[in-house]
């Protein structure tokens, strides 16, 4: 069995969220505000895995609800 690279998983989740967010015409700021944050930094950083910032499970649950998608859509496997 191949070893799981958790950094790649976080990177793919960020990419998935960015794609889904853009498809819904929701800005990073709008998503941040709906998540209860006052700035765009959490979403911008986590979408790019900047300095290893990533979304936690609470974020994923809220994002799936905001984007009206199944949480599985956020967790699509990486290649």
N, C-alpha and C. Protein backbone atom coordinates (compact mmCIF):
# COMPACT_ATOMS: atom_id res chain seq x y z
N UNK A 1 0.84 -1.18 0.00
CA UNK A 1 0.00 0.00 0.00
C UNK A 1 0.89 1.24 0.00
N UNK A 2 0.51 2.21 -0.82
CA UNK A 2 1.27 3.45 -0.94
C UNK A 2 1.10 4.30 0.31
N UNK A 3 2.18 4.93 0.74
CA UNK A 3 2.13 5.80 1.92
C UNK A 3 1.33 7.06 1.61
N UNK A 4 0.53 7.48 2.54
CA UNK A 4 -0.31 8.66 2.39
C UNK A 4 0.53 9.92 2.63
N UNK A 5 0.48 10.83 1.69
CA UNK A 5 1.18 12.11 1.82
C UNK A 5 0.13 13.15 2.20
N UNK A 6 0.02 13.43 3.49
CA UNK A 6 -1.03 14.31 4.00
C UNK A 6 -0.91 15.72 3.44
N UNK A 7 0.30 16.19 3.14
CA UNK A 7 0.46 17.52 2.55
C UNK A 7 -0.23 17.57 1.18
N UNK A 8 -0.08 16.51 0.40
CA UNK A 8 -0.73 16.47 -0.90
C UNK A 8 -2.25 16.42 -0.76
N UNK A 9 -2.72 15.76 0.27
CA UNK A 9 -4.17 15.71 0.52
C UNK A 9 -4.67 17.12 0.82
N UNK A 10 -3.99 17.84 1.70
CA UNK A 10 -4.38 19.22 2.02
C UNK A 10 -4.33 20.11 0.78
N UNK A 11 -3.31 19.94 -0.05
CA UNK A 11 -3.20 20.73 -1.28
C UNK A 11 -4.37 20.45 -2.21
N UNK A 12 -4.74 19.18 -2.35
CA UNK A 12 -5.84 18.83 -3.25
C UNK A 12 -7.17 19.35 -2.72
N UNK A 13 -7.38 19.28 -1.42
CA UNK A 13 -8.61 19.81 -0.84
C UNK A 13 -8.70 21.31 -1.12
N UNK A 14 -7.61 22.02 -0.96
CA UNK A 14 -7.59 23.46 -1.26
C UNK A 14 -7.93 23.73 -2.72
N UNK A 15 -7.36 22.95 -3.62
CA UNK A 15 -7.67 23.11 -5.05
C UNK A 15 -9.13 22.80 -5.33
N UNK A 16 -9.65 21.74 -4.73
CA UNK A 16 -11.05 21.39 -4.93
C UNK A 16 -11.97 22.51 -4.47
N UNK A 17 -11.68 23.07 -3.31
CA UNK A 17 -12.51 24.15 -2.78
C UNK A 17 -12.42 25.37 -3.68
N UNK A 18 -11.24 25.71 -4.15
CA UNK A 18 -11.07 26.86 -5.04
C UNK A 18 -11.91 26.67 -6.31
N UNK A 19 -11.84 25.48 -6.91
CA UNK A 19 -12.60 25.21 -8.13
C UNK A 19 -14.10 25.31 -7.89
N UNK A 20 -14.57 24.69 -6.81
CA UNK A 20 -16.01 24.71 -6.51
C UNK A 20 -16.49 26.12 -6.17
N UNK A 21 -15.66 26.86 -5.42
CA UNK A 21 -16.01 28.23 -5.04
C UNK A 21 -16.13 29.11 -6.29
N UNK A 22 -15.17 28.98 -7.19
CA UNK A 22 -15.19 29.78 -8.42
C UNK A 22 -16.38 29.40 -9.29
N UNK A 23 -16.72 28.13 -9.33
CA UNK A 23 -17.86 27.67 -10.14
C UNK A 23 -19.17 28.26 -9.62
N UNK A 24 -19.22 28.57 -8.31
CA UNK A 24 -20.41 29.17 -7.70
C UNK A 24 -20.34 30.69 -7.68
N UNK A 25 -19.28 31.24 -8.29
CA UNK A 25 -19.07 32.70 -8.31
C UNK A 25 -19.05 33.31 -6.92
N UNK A 26 -18.35 32.65 -6.03
CA UNK A 26 -18.19 33.14 -4.66
C UNK A 26 -16.72 33.54 -4.49
N UNK A 27 -16.49 34.76 -4.03
CA UNK A 27 -15.12 35.22 -3.83
C UNK A 27 -14.52 34.62 -2.56
N UNK A 28 -13.21 34.70 -2.47
CA UNK A 28 -12.55 34.24 -1.25
C UNK A 28 -13.03 35.04 -0.05
N UNK A 29 -13.22 36.34 -0.23
CA UNK A 29 -13.69 37.18 0.87
C UNK A 29 -15.10 36.76 1.29
N UNK A 30 -15.97 36.54 0.34
CA UNK A 30 -17.34 36.14 0.67
C UNK A 30 -17.35 34.81 1.43
N UNK A 31 -16.55 33.86 0.98
CA UNK A 31 -16.49 32.58 1.68
C UNK A 31 -15.93 32.77 3.08
N UNK A 32 -14.89 33.58 3.21
CA UNK A 32 -14.30 33.86 4.52
C UNK A 32 -15.32 34.45 5.48
N UNK A 33 -16.08 35.43 4.99
CA UNK A 33 -17.09 36.07 5.84
C UNK A 33 -18.16 35.07 6.25
N UNK A 34 -18.57 34.21 5.34
CA UNK A 34 -19.59 33.20 5.67
C UNK A 34 -19.06 32.16 6.66
N UNK A 35 -17.75 32.00 6.68
CA UNK A 35 -17.13 31.10 7.65
C UNK A 35 -16.94 31.77 9.01
N UNK A 36 -17.19 33.08 9.06
CA UNK A 36 -17.07 33.81 10.32
C UNK A 36 -15.73 34.50 10.51
N UNK A 37 -14.96 34.63 9.43
CA UNK A 37 -13.67 35.31 9.51
C UNK A 37 -13.80 36.71 8.90
N UNK A 38 -13.02 37.63 9.41
CA UNK A 38 -13.11 39.02 8.95
C UNK A 38 -12.18 39.32 7.79
N UNK A 39 -11.26 38.42 7.50
CA UNK A 39 -10.35 38.66 6.38
C UNK A 39 -10.30 37.44 5.48
N UNK A 40 -9.73 37.64 4.34
CA UNK A 40 -9.65 36.61 3.32
C UNK A 40 -8.48 35.64 3.57
N UNK A 41 -7.63 35.93 4.50
CA UNK A 41 -6.37 35.19 4.65
C UNK A 41 -6.55 33.70 4.87
N UNK A 42 -7.51 33.27 5.67
CA UNK A 42 -7.67 31.84 5.93
C UNK A 42 -8.01 31.09 4.65
N UNK A 43 -8.93 31.61 3.86
CA UNK A 43 -9.32 30.93 2.63
C UNK A 43 -8.20 31.00 1.60
N UNK A 44 -7.63 32.17 1.42
CA UNK A 44 -6.56 32.34 0.44
C UNK A 44 -5.37 31.44 0.77
N UNK A 45 -4.98 31.40 2.02
CA UNK A 45 -3.84 30.58 2.42
C UNK A 45 -4.14 29.10 2.32
N UNK A 46 -5.30 28.68 2.78
CA UNK A 46 -5.63 27.26 2.78
C UNK A 46 -5.86 26.72 1.37
N UNK A 47 -6.41 27.54 0.49
CA UNK A 47 -6.60 27.07 -0.89
C UNK A 47 -5.27 26.78 -1.56
N UNK A 48 -4.22 27.50 -1.18
CA UNK A 48 -2.90 27.30 -1.78
C UNK A 48 -1.96 26.50 -0.89
N UNK A 49 -2.43 26.15 0.32
CA UNK A 49 -1.61 25.44 1.31
C UNK A 49 -0.36 26.27 1.63
N UNK A 50 -0.54 27.59 1.66
CA UNK A 50 0.54 28.53 1.94
C UNK A 50 0.99 28.39 3.39
N UNK A 51 2.28 28.18 3.58
CA UNK A 51 2.86 27.96 4.91
C UNK A 51 2.14 26.84 5.66
N UNK A 52 1.69 25.84 4.89
CA UNK A 52 1.01 24.65 5.41
C UNK A 52 -0.32 24.97 6.11
N UNK A 53 -0.91 26.11 5.80
CA UNK A 53 -2.24 26.42 6.34
C UNK A 53 -3.25 25.58 5.59
N UNK A 54 -4.20 25.03 6.31
CA UNK A 54 -5.19 24.17 5.68
C UNK A 54 -6.52 24.28 6.41
N UNK A 55 -7.55 23.78 5.74
CA UNK A 55 -8.89 23.79 6.32
C UNK A 55 -9.01 22.67 7.35
N UNK A 56 -9.72 22.94 8.44
CA UNK A 56 -9.98 21.88 9.42
C UNK A 56 -11.36 21.27 9.13
N UNK A 57 -11.73 20.28 9.89
CA UNK A 57 -12.99 19.57 9.63
C UNK A 57 -14.19 20.50 9.78
N UNK A 58 -14.16 21.42 10.73
CA UNK A 58 -15.25 22.38 10.89
C UNK A 58 -15.38 23.25 9.65
N UNK A 59 -14.24 23.71 9.13
CA UNK A 59 -14.26 24.50 7.90
C UNK A 59 -14.89 23.69 6.77
N UNK A 60 -14.47 22.44 6.62
CA UNK A 60 -14.95 21.60 5.52
C UNK A 60 -16.47 21.40 5.59
N UNK A 61 -16.97 21.17 6.77
CA UNK A 61 -18.42 21.00 6.94
C UNK A 61 -19.15 22.28 6.56
N UNK A 62 -18.65 23.42 7.04
CA UNK A 62 -19.28 24.70 6.73
C UNK A 62 -19.16 25.05 5.24
N UNK A 63 -18.00 24.79 4.66
CA UNK A 63 -17.79 25.09 3.24
C UNK A 63 -18.71 24.26 2.38
N UNK A 64 -18.84 22.98 2.68
CA UNK A 64 -19.75 22.12 1.92
C UNK A 64 -21.17 22.67 1.97
N UNK A 65 -21.58 23.14 3.14
CA UNK A 65 -22.93 23.72 3.29
C UNK A 65 -23.06 25.01 2.49
N UNK A 66 -22.07 25.89 2.60
CA UNK A 66 -22.09 27.18 1.90
C UNK A 66 -22.12 26.98 0.39
N UNK A 67 -21.30 26.04 -0.10
CA UNK A 67 -21.21 25.81 -1.54
C UNK A 67 -22.30 24.87 -2.06
N UNK A 68 -23.08 24.36 -1.12
CA UNK A 68 -24.18 23.43 -1.46
C UNK A 68 -23.67 22.23 -2.23
N UNK A 69 -22.61 21.60 -1.68
CA UNK A 69 -22.05 20.39 -2.26
C UNK A 69 -21.92 19.34 -1.16
N UNK A 70 -21.77 18.11 -1.57
CA UNK A 70 -21.49 17.04 -0.63
C UNK A 70 -20.05 17.21 -0.15
N UNK A 71 -19.81 16.96 1.11
CA UNK A 71 -18.45 17.11 1.64
C UNK A 71 -17.46 16.23 0.89
N UNK A 72 -17.92 15.13 0.34
CA UNK A 72 -17.05 14.25 -0.46
C UNK A 72 -16.46 14.97 -1.66
N UNK A 73 -17.19 15.96 -2.19
CA UNK A 73 -16.68 16.72 -3.32
C UNK A 73 -15.43 17.53 -2.95
N UNK A 74 -15.32 17.87 -1.69
CA UNK A 74 -14.15 18.62 -1.23
C UNK A 74 -12.95 17.70 -1.04
N UNK A 75 -13.23 16.43 -0.87
CA UNK A 75 -12.19 15.46 -0.51
C UNK A 75 -11.77 14.57 -1.66
N UNK A 76 -12.07 14.98 -2.89
CA UNK A 76 -11.69 14.17 -4.05
C UNK A 76 -10.22 13.80 -3.95
N UNK A 77 -9.90 12.56 -4.25
CA UNK A 77 -8.50 12.13 -4.12
C UNK A 77 -7.57 12.87 -5.05
N UNK A 78 -6.34 12.94 -4.63
CA UNK A 78 -5.31 13.57 -5.45
C UNK A 78 -4.67 12.51 -6.32
N UNK A 79 -3.97 12.98 -7.35
CA UNK A 79 -3.32 12.06 -8.29
C UNK A 79 -1.83 12.08 -8.08
